[in-house]
Amino acid sequence: MSSLGHLGPDAAALAFTPPARRRIYLMRHGDVTYFDDSGKPIDADNVALNERGREQASAAGRAFAAEGIRFDRVIVSGLPRTRETAMRVLAETGQQIDIETWTCWQEIRAGSISHLPPAEMAQAFLSAFDGLVPEATRFMNGESVSELLDRVVPPLKELRDDKSWDTVLLVLHGGVNRAILSHAMHPQGRLFLGQLAQTPACINALDVGDRPDDWVVRLMNYAPPQPLHRDNRLTVMEKIFASFLQSRRNR
């Protein structure tokens, strides 16, 4: 291989300085149960992890611990299921670190669909997470994709402007994670890819450089304890919609 000295007078211009990137680990909270045994909805702002969700969160923590990963900051949305997931991860890594709350990263906000005819309910539930989603699409007659992007994407700059951290853990939500991942894939525009699966307690790894458009999507939807998703063929929202329909039948 030729050395730079053989490249002529423009060799200095061809010299490459590798970018220094930092790591964002982006998780979804562990599994929760949105309907009780009688079919009654549980308050989504207060629902806790179920037994499966607690094991998923601990399994994610063991995955971090196995590679000796240490976090400089840990940020959650403030909803109990994100905080509990983060606490279980830290319990496995052995870190004692203050958990920060950024409410701007709470889940996409649902509206009311009780007045909708049955034929329109599937669309209300599922359209916000289906393919390349138009920004005008509303999640269950609530917050639009455009409104979600407006509140989720700008705080990423605030996080990146803080140069004190090298590795940060964000424990957030399926819709919010899709917004962040979509931005990482297309940082110079606006995009929302609904088909990016986010299994409960999954781990995504994103690297960021100094340039605003310097994003590297390193890992997506790694979900211990079942990383190959053997038993997953439905999306999370399809499972929730099925539970919703069952709850209506139980009334």
C-alpha atoms as a PDB file:
ATOM      1  CA  MET A   1       0.000   0.000   0.000  1.00  0.00           C
ATOM      2  CA  SER A   2       1.353   3.436  -0.904  1.00  0.00           C
ATOM      3  CA  SER A   3       2.183   5.819   1.910  1.00  0.00           C
ATOM      4  CA  LEU A   4       0.782   9.352   2.137  1.00  0.00           C
ATOM      5  CA  GLY A   5       4.230  10.592   1.147  1.00  0.00           C
ATOM      6  CA  HIS A   6       3.692   9.230  -2.366  1.00  0.00           C
ATOM      7  CA  LEU A   7       0.404  11.047  -2.893  1.00  0.00           C
ATOM      8  CA  GLY A   8       1.897  14.372  -3.926  1.00  0.00           C
ATOM      9  CA  PRO A   9       1.301  17.930  -2.659  1.00  0.00           C
ATOM     10  CA  ASP A  10      -2.367  17.334  -1.837  1.00  0.00           C
ATOM     11  CA  ALA A  11      -1.581  14.579   0.671  1.00  0.00           C
ATOM     12  CA  ALA A  12      -2.360  16.797   3.660  1.00  0.00           C
ATOM     13  CA  ALA A  13      -5.835  17.477   2.266  1.00  0.00           C
ATOM     14  CA  LEU A  14      -6.421  13.739   2.018  1.00  0.00           C
ATOM     15  CA  ALA A  15      -5.436  13.065   5.630  1.00  0.00           C
ATOM     16  CA  PHE A  16      -8.335  11.708   7.676  1.00  0.00           C
ATOM     17  CA  THR A  17      -9.005  12.432  11.336  1.00  0.00           C
ATOM     18  CA  PRO A  18     -11.519   9.893  12.639  1.00  0.00           C
ATOM     19  CA  PRO A  19     -14.512  11.587  14.290  1.00  0.00           C
ATOM     20  CA  ALA A  20     -14.860  11.274  18.042  1.00  0.00           C
ATOM     21  CA  ARG A  21     -18.338   9.929  18.672  1.00  0.00           C
ATOM     22  CA  ARG A  22     -20.315   9.376  21.849  1.00  0.00           C
ATOM     23  CA  ARG A  23     -22.823   6.617  22.533  1.00  0.00           C
ATOM     24  CA  ILE A  24     -26.559   6.835  23.203  1.00  0.00           C
ATOM     25  CA  TYR A  25     -28.188   3.625  24.410  1.00  0.00           C
ATOM     26  CA  LEU A  26     -31.896   4.011  23.741  1.00  0.00           C
ATOM     27  CA  MET A  27     -34.271   1.580  25.438  1.00  0.00           C
ATOM     28  CA  ARG A  28     -37.985   1.024  25.468  1.00  0.00           C
ATOM     29  CA  HIS A  29     -39.518   0.269  28.860  1.00  0.00           C
ATOM     30  CA  GLY A  30     -40.333  -3.311  29.764  1.00  0.00           C
ATOM     31  CA  ASP A  31     -43.687  -4.963  29.174  1.00  0.00           C
ATOM     32  CA  VAL A  32     -46.806  -3.642  30.898  1.00  0.00           C
ATOM     33  CA  THR A  33     -50.442  -4.743  31.120  1.00  0.00           C
ATOM     34  CA  TYR A  34     -52.878  -2.066  29.963  1.00  0.00           C
ATOM     35  CA  PHE A  35     -56.097  -3.907  30.915  1.00  0.00           C
ATOM     36  CA  ASP A  36     -56.931  -5.683  34.176  1.00  0.00           C
ATOM     37  CA  ASP A  37     -58.520  -9.130  34.427  1.00  0.00           C
ATOM     38  CA  SER A  38     -61.999  -7.641  34.099  1.00  0.00           C
ATOM     39  CA  GLY A  39     -61.066  -5.825  30.899  1.00  0.00           C
ATOM     40  CA  LYS A  40     -60.956  -2.397  32.554  1.00  0.00           C
ATOM     41  CA  PRO A  41     -58.225  -0.094  31.173  1.00  0.00           C
ATOM     42  CA  ILE A  42     -55.360   0.739  33.534  1.00  0.00           C
ATOM     43  CA  ASP A  43     -54.185   4.360  33.665  1.00  0.00           C
ATOM     44  CA  ALA A  44     -51.371   4.466  31.103  1.00  0.00           C
ATOM     45  CA  ASP A  45     -49.585   7.242  33.014  1.00  0.00           C
ATOM     46  CA  ASN A  46     -49.272   5.103  36.137  1.00  0.00           C
ATOM     47  CA  VAL A  47     -49.071   1.497  34.921  1.00  0.00           C
ATOM     48  CA  ALA A  48     -46.113  -0.473  36.275  1.00  0.00           C
ATOM     49  CA  LEU A  49     -44.091  -3.251  34.694  1.00  0.00           C
ATOM     50  CA  ASN A  50     -45.668  -6.680  34.807  1.00  0.00           C
ATOM     51  CA  GLU A  51     -43.707  -9.799  35.738  1.00  0.00           C
ATOM     52  CA  ARG A  52     -42.507 -10.303  32.162  1.00  0.00           C
ATOM     53  CA  GLY A  53     -41.499  -6.652  31.904  1.00  0.00           C
ATOM     54  CA  ARG A  54     -39.459  -6.841  35.100  1.00  0.00           C
ATOM     55  CA  GLU A  55     -37.545  -9.841  33.793  1.00  0.00           C
ATOM     56  CA  GLN A  56     -36.990  -8.135  30.437  1.00  0.00           C
ATOM     57  CA  ALA A  57     -35.567  -5.050  32.123  1.00  0.00           C
ATOM     58  CA  SER A  58     -33.259  -7.123  34.328  1.00  0.00           C
ATOM     59  CA  ALA A  59     -32.131  -9.140  31.294  1.00  0.00           C
ATOM     60  CA  ALA A  60     -31.226  -5.903  29.510  1.00  0.00           C
ATOM     61  CA  GLY A  61     -29.253  -4.845  32.569  1.00  0.00           C
ATOM     62  CA  ARG A  62     -27.361  -8.136  32.544  1.00  0.00           C
ATOM     63  CA  ALA A  63     -26.530  -7.573  28.865  1.00  0.00           C
ATOM     64  CA  PHE A  64     -24.986  -4.202  29.700  1.00  0.00           C
ATOM     65  CA  ALA A  65     -23.164  -5.667  32.704  1.00  0.00           C
ATOM     66  CA  ALA A  66     -21.726  -8.534  30.650  1.00  0.00           C
ATOM     67  CA  GLU A  67     -19.885  -6.001  28.451  1.00  0.00           C
ATOM     68  CA  GLY A  68     -18.842  -3.760  31.327  1.00  0.00           C
ATOM     69  CA  ILE A  69     -20.850  -0.790  30.026  1.00  0.00           C
ATOM     70  CA  ARG A  70     -21.052   2.182  32.373  1.00  0.00           C
ATOM     71  CA  PHE A  71     -23.402   5.132  31.979  1.00  0.00           C
ATOM     72  CA  ASP A  72     -22.509   8.763  32.635  1.00  0.00           C
ATOM     73  CA  ARG A  73     -26.155   9.810  32.592  1.00  0.00           C
ATOM     74  CA  VAL A  74     -29.498   7.994  32.745  1.00  0.00           C
ATOM     75  CA  ILE A  75     -32.627   9.764  31.496  1.00  0.00           C
ATOM     76  CA  VAL A  76     -36.247   8.553  31.626  1.00  0.00           C
ATOM     77  CA  SER A  77     -39.554  10.091  30.580  1.00  0.00           C
ATOM     78  CA  GLY A  78     -40.861  10.203  34.133  1.00  0.00           C
ATOM     79  CA  LEU A  79     -43.623   7.643  33.642  1.00  0.00           C
ATOM     80  CA  PRO A  80     -43.252   4.838  36.208  1.00  0.00           C
ATOM     81  CA  ARG A  81     -42.597   2.113  33.648  1.00  0.00           C
ATOM     82  CA  THR A  82     -39.520   3.939  32.334  1.00  0.00           C
ATOM     83  CA  ARG A  83     -38.116   4.648  35.782  1.00  0.00           C
ATOM     84  CA  GLU A  84     -38.652   1.060  36.953  1.00  0.00           C
ATOM     85  CA  THR A  85     -36.930  -0.260  33.819  1.00  0.00           C
ATOM     86  CA  ALA A  86     -33.946   2.043  34.371  1.00  0.00           C
ATOM     87  CA  MET A  87     -33.703   1.067  38.048  1.00  0.00           C
ATOM     88  CA  ARG A  88     -33.626  -2.619  37.149  1.00  0.00           C
ATOM     89  CA  VAL A  89     -30.925  -2.019  34.539  1.00  0.00           C
ATOM     90  CA  LEU A  90     -28.795  -0.129  37.068  1.00  0.00           C
ATOM     91  CA  ALA A  91     -29.338  -2.823  39.682  1.00  0.00           C
ATOM     92  CA  GLU A  92     -27.721  -5.317  37.307  1.00  0.00           C
ATOM     93  CA  THR A  93     -24.834  -3.037  36.290  1.00  0.00           C
ATOM     94  CA  GLY A  94     -24.153  -2.140  39.914  1.00  0.00           C
ATOM     95  CA  GLN A  95     -24.209   1.589  39.266  1.00  0.00           C
ATOM     96  CA  GLN A  96     -25.592   4.130  41.688  1.00  0.00           C
ATOM     97  CA  ILE A  97     -26.468   7.094  39.523  1.00  0.00           C
ATOM     98  CA  ASP A  98     -29.181   9.736  39.713  1.00  0.00           C
ATOM     99  CA  ILE A  99     -31.968   9.138  37.212  1.00  0.00           C
ATOM    100  CA  GLU A 100     -33.011  12.287  35.359  1.00  0.00           C
ATOM    101  CA  THR A 101     -36.564  12.951  34.176  1.00  0.00           C
ATOM    102  CA  TRP A 102     -37.262  14.611  30.832  1.00  0.00           C
ATOM    103  CA  THR A 103     -41.042  14.773  30.443  1.00  0.00           C
ATOM    104  CA  CYS A 104     -40.669  15.988  26.844  1.00  0.00           C
ATOM    105  CA  TRP A 105     -39.962  12.350  25.989  1.00  0.00           C
ATOM    106  CA  GLN A 106     -43.204  10.878  27.307  1.00  0.00           C
ATOM    107  CA  GLU A 107     -45.095   8.621  24.925  1.00  0.00           C
ATOM    108  CA  ILE A 108     -47.202   9.871  22.020  1.00  0.00           C
ATOM    109  CA  ARG A 109     -50.475  10.999  23.554  1.00  0.00           C
ATOM    110  CA  ALA A 110     -53.676   9.192  22.760  1.00  0.00           C
ATOM    111  CA  GLY A 111     -57.074  10.817  22.486  1.00  0.00           C
ATOM    112  CA  SER A 112     -60.510   9.270  22.768  1.00  0.00           C
ATOM    113  CA  ILE A 113     -61.827   6.661  20.351  1.00  0.00           C
ATOM    114  CA  SER A 114     -64.929   5.629  22.299  1.00  0.00           C
ATOM    115  CA  HIS A 115     -67.166   7.352  19.736  1.00  0.00           C
ATOM    116  CA  LEU A 116     -65.627   5.612  16.740  1.00  0.00           C
ATOM    117  CA  PRO A 117     -67.471   2.845  14.908  1.00  0.00           C
ATOM    118  CA  PRO A 118     -65.763  -0.559  15.179  1.00  0.00           C
ATOM    119  CA  ALA A 119     -64.610  -0.452  11.565  1.00  0.00           C
ATOM    120  CA  GLU A 120     -62.476   2.640  12.254  1.00  0.00           C
ATOM    121  CA  MET A 121     -60.886   1.524  15.514  1.00  0.00           C
ATOM    122  CA  ALA A 122     -58.066  -0.509  13.952  1.00  0.00           C
ATOM    123  CA  GLN A 123     -57.026   2.502  11.875  1.00  0.00           C
ATOM    124  CA  ALA A 124     -57.019   4.723  14.980  1.00  0.00           C
ATOM    125  CA  PHE A 125     -54.857   2.236  16.880  1.00  0.00           C
ATOM    126  CA  LEU A 126     -52.409   1.177  14.189  1.00  0.00           C
ATOM    127  CA  SER A 127     -51.972   3.874  11.543  1.00  0.00           C
ATOM    128  CA  ALA A 128     -49.369   5.881  13.484  1.00  0.00           C
ATOM    129  CA  PHE A 129     -47.032   2.880  13.450  1.00  0.00           C
ATOM    130  CA  ASP A 130     -47.478   1.692   9.876  1.00  0.00           C
ATOM    131  CA  GLY A 131     -44.790   2.404   7.275  1.00  0.00           C
ATOM    132  CA  LEU A 132     -43.731   5.936   6.374  1.00  0.00           C
ATOM    133  CA  VAL A 133     -46.305   7.822   8.427  1.00  0.00           C
ATOM    134  CA  PRO A 134     -47.672  11.205   7.238  1.00  0.00           C
ATOM    135  CA  GLU A 135     -47.107  13.907   9.841  1.00  0.00           C
ATOM    136  CA  ALA A 136     -50.819  14.704  10.013  1.00  0.00           C
ATOM    137  CA  THR A 137     -51.596  11.185  11.292  1.00  0.00           C
ATOM    138  CA  ARG A 138     -52.974  11.218  14.821  1.00  0.00           C
ATOM    139  CA  PHE A 139     -52.494   8.432  17.358  1.00  0.00           C
ATOM    140  CA  MET A 140     -55.910   7.299  18.546  1.00  0.00           C
ATOM    141  CA  ASN A 141     -57.351  10.747  17.730  1.00  0.00           C
ATOM    142  CA  GLY A 142     -54.745  12.351  19.973  1.00  0.00           C
ATOM    143  CA  GLU A 143     -51.309  13.767  19.298  1.00  0.00           C
ATOM    144  CA  SER A 144     -50.179  13.932  15.687  1.00  0.00           C
ATOM    145  CA  VAL A 145     -46.879  12.630  14.378  1.00  0.00           C
ATOM    146  CA  SER A 146     -45.926  16.232  13.583  1.00  0.00           C
ATOM    147  CA  GLU A 147     -46.563  17.285  17.186  1.00  0.00           C
ATOM    148  CA  LEU A 148     -44.594  14.292  18.434  1.00  0.00           C
ATOM    149  CA  LEU A 149     -41.571  15.216  16.300  1.00  0.00           C
ATOM    150  CA  ASP A 150     -41.807  18.840  17.438  1.00  0.00           C
ATOM    151  CA  ARG A 151     -41.371  17.897  21.097  1.00  0.00           C
ATOM    152  CA  VAL A 152     -39.091  14.847  20.807  1.00  0.00           C
ATOM    153  CA  VAL A 153     -36.405  15.908  18.318  1.00  0.00           C
ATOM    154  CA  PRO A 154     -35.294  19.385  19.566  1.00  0.00           C
ATOM    155  CA  PRO A 155     -34.223  18.147  23.051  1.00  0.00           C
ATOM    156  CA  LEU A 156     -31.695  15.858  21.351  1.00  0.00           C
ATOM    157  CA  LYS A 157     -29.644  18.982  20.591  1.00  0.00           C
ATOM    158  CA  GLU A 158     -29.682  19.944  24.267  1.00  0.00           C
ATOM    159  CA  LEU A 159     -28.434  16.495  25.182  1.00  0.00           C
ATOM    160  CA  ARG A 160     -25.696  16.559  22.550  1.00  0.00           C
ATOM    161  CA  ASP A 161     -24.590  20.088  23.477  1.00  0.00           C
ATOM    162  CA  ASP A 162     -23.626  18.806  26.936  1.00  0.00           C
ATOM    163  CA  LYS A 163     -20.084  17.537  26.373  1.00  0.00           C
ATOM    164  CA  SER A 164     -19.726  16.136  29.892  1.00  0.00           C
ATOM    165  CA  TRP A 165     -20.941  12.654  28.990  1.00  0.00           C
ATOM    166  CA  ASP A 166     -19.585   9.881  26.804  1.00  0.00           C
ATOM    167  CA  THR A 167     -22.289   7.224  27.311  1.00  0.00           C
ATOM    168  CA  VAL A 168     -25.920   7.954  28.134  1.00  0.00           C
ATOM    169  CA  LEU A 169     -28.887   5.646  28.690  1.00  0.00           C
ATOM    170  CA  LEU A 170     -32.348   6.826  27.624  1.00  0.00           C
ATOM    171  CA  VAL A 171     -35.313   4.696  28.732  1.00  0.00           C
ATOM    172  CA  LEU A 172     -38.348   5.884  26.820  1.00  0.00           C
ATOM    173  CA  HIS A 173     -41.284   4.593  24.763  1.00  0.00           C
ATOM    174  CA  GLY A 174     -42.071   2.881  21.474  1.00  0.00           C
ATOM    175  CA  GLY A 175     -43.418   5.921  19.627  1.00  0.00           C
ATOM    176  CA  VAL A 176     -40.781   8.280  21.015  1.00  0.00           C
ATOM    177  CA  ASN A 177     -38.010   5.828  20.154  1.00  0.00           C
ATOM    178  CA  ARG A 178     -39.268   5.621  16.581  1.00  0.00           C
ATOM    179  CA  ALA A 179     -39.097   9.410  16.340  1.00  0.00           C
ATOM    180  CA  ILE A 180     -35.498   9.425  17.608  1.00  0.00           C
ATOM    181  CA  LEU A 181     -34.428   6.536  15.384  1.00  0.00           C
ATOM    182  CA  SER A 182     -36.096   8.109  12.362  1.00  0.00           C
ATOM    183  CA  HIS A 183     -34.259  11.363  13.040  1.00  0.00           C
ATOM    184  CA  ALA A 184     -30.964   9.486  13.364  1.00  0.00           C
ATOM    185  CA  MET A 185     -31.569   7.963   9.931  1.00  0.00           C
ATOM    186  CA  HIS A 186     -32.555  11.270   8.325  1.00  0.00           C
ATOM    187  CA  PRO A 187     -31.178  14.093  10.508  1.00  0.00           C
ATOM    188  CA  GLN A 188     -31.430  16.770   7.812  1.00  0.00           C
ATOM    189  CA  GLY A 189     -35.180  16.367   7.368  1.00  0.00           C
ATOM    190  CA  ARG A 190     -38.346  15.185   9.071  1.00  0.00           C
ATOM    191  CA  LEU A 191     -39.268  11.528   8.961  1.00  0.00           C
ATOM    192  CA  PHE A 192     -41.272   9.041  11.002  1.00  0.00           C
ATOM    193  CA  LEU A 193     -40.847   5.356  10.225  1.00  0.00           C
ATOM    194  CA  GLY A 194     -43.631   3.507  11.960  1.00  0.00           C
ATOM    195  CA  GLN A 195     -42.401   0.036  11.052  1.00  0.00           C
ATOM    196  CA  LEU A 196     -39.300   0.260  13.260  1.00  0.00           C
ATOM    197  CA  ALA A 197     -40.202  -2.397  15.826  1.00  0.00           C
ATOM    198  CA  GLN A 198     -39.487  -1.574  19.460  1.00  0.00           C
ATOM    199  CA  THR A 199     -39.941  -4.682  21.569  1.00  0.00           C
ATOM    200  CA  PRO A 200     -40.405  -4.143  25.324  1.00  0.00           C
ATOM    201  CA  ALA A 201     -37.046  -3.474  27.034  1.00  0.00           C
ATOM    202  CA  CYS A 202     -35.217  -3.480  23.713  1.00  0.00           C
ATOM    203  CA  ILE A 203     -31.831  -1.785  23.329  1.00  0.00           C
ATOM    204  CA  ASN A 204     -30.803   0.505  20.465  1.00  0.00           C
ATOM    205  CA  ALA A 205     -27.283   1.919  20.138  1.00  0.00           C
ATOM    206  CA  LEU A 206     -26.717   5.272  18.423  1.00  0.00           C
ATOM    207  CA  ASP A 207     -23.412   7.091  18.004  1.00  0.00           C
ATOM    208  CA  VAL A 208     -23.281  10.882  17.650  1.00  0.00           C
ATOM    209  CA  GLY A 209     -20.435  13.090  16.495  1.00  0.00           C
ATOM    210  CA  ASP A 210     -19.868  16.835  16.647  1.00  0.00           C
ATOM    211  CA  ARG A 211     -21.790  17.627  13.465  1.00  0.00           C
ATOM    212  CA  PRO A 212     -25.588  17.765  13.912  1.00  0.00           C
ATOM    213  CA  ASP A 213     -25.997  15.306  11.044  1.00  0.00           C
ATOM    214  CA  ASP A 214     -23.373  12.863  12.368  1.00  0.00           C
ATOM    215  CA  TRP A 215     -25.468   9.930  13.537  1.00  0.00           C
ATOM    216  CA  VAL A 216     -24.573   6.249  13.264  1.00  0.00           C
ATOM    217  CA  VAL A 217     -27.302   3.674  13.933  1.00  0.00           C
ATOM    218  CA  ARG A 218     -25.226   0.899  15.473  1.00  0.00           C
ATOM    219  CA  LEU A 219     -27.891  -1.464  16.851  1.00  0.00           C
ATOM    220  CA  MET A 220     -31.680  -1.659  16.768  1.00  0.00           C
ATOM    221  CA  ASN A 221     -34.296  -3.564  18.739  1.00  0.00           C
ATOM    222  CA  TYR A 222     -31.916  -5.928  20.529  1.00  0.00           C
ATOM    223  CA  ALA A 223     -34.244  -7.509  23.057  1.00  0.00           C
ATOM    224  CA  PRO A 224     -32.826  -9.872  25.652  1.00  0.00           C
ATOM    225  CA  PRO A 225     -33.839 -12.427  26.836  1.00  0.00           C
ATOM    226  CA  GLN A 226     -35.084 -13.316  23.307  1.00  0.00           C
ATOM    227  CA  PRO A 227     -32.756 -11.411  20.945  1.00  0.00           C
ATOM    228  CA  LEU A 228     -33.831 -13.308  17.809  1.00  0.00           C
ATOM    229  CA  HIS A 229     -37.534 -12.469  18.387  1.00  0.00           C
ATOM    230  CA  ARG A 230     -38.499 -16.097  17.850  1.00  0.00           C
ATOM    231  CA  ASP A 231     -42.032 -15.692  19.182  1.00  0.00           C
ATOM    232  CA  ASN A 232     -42.733 -12.188  17.853  1.00  0.00           C
ATOM    233  CA  ARG A 233     -44.764 -11.883  14.672  1.00  0.00           C
ATOM    234  CA  LEU A 234     -47.175  -9.151  15.805  1.00  0.00           C
ATOM    235  CA  THR A 235     -46.232  -5.563  16.572  1.00  0.00           C
ATOM    236  CA  VAL A 236     -46.651  -4.245  20.098  1.00  0.00           C
ATOM    237  CA  MET A 237     -49.594  -2.091  19.004  1.00  0.00           C
ATOM    238  CA  GLU A 238     -51.281  -5.065  17.336  1.00  0.00           C
ATOM    239  CA  LYS A 239     -51.020  -6.944  20.636  1.00  0.00           C
ATOM    240  CA  ILE A 240     -52.426  -3.976  22.551  1.00  0.00           C
ATOM    241  CA  PHE A 241     -55.271  -3.615  20.053  1.00  0.00           C
ATOM    242  CA  ALA A 242     -56.092  -7.311  20.443  1.00  0.00           C
ATOM    243  CA  SER A 243     -56.181  -6.809  24.232  1.00  0.00           C
ATOM    244  CA  PHE A 244     -58.420  -3.773  23.760  1.00  0.00           C
ATOM    245  CA  LEU A 245     -60.899  -5.765  21.683  1.00  0.00           C
ATOM    246  CA  GLN A 246     -60.871  -8.553  24.254  1.00  0.00           C
ATOM    247  CA  SER A 247     -61.564  -6.020  27.004  1.00  0.00           C
ATOM    248  CA  ARG A 248     -64.628  -4.770  25.123  1.00  0.00           C
ATOM    249  CA  ARG A 249     -65.910  -8.327  24.762  1.00  0.00           C
ATOM    250  CA  ASN A 250     -65.463  -8.860  28.519  1.00  0.00           C
ATOM    251  CA  ARG A 251     -67.679  -5.925  29.450  1.00  0.00           C
END
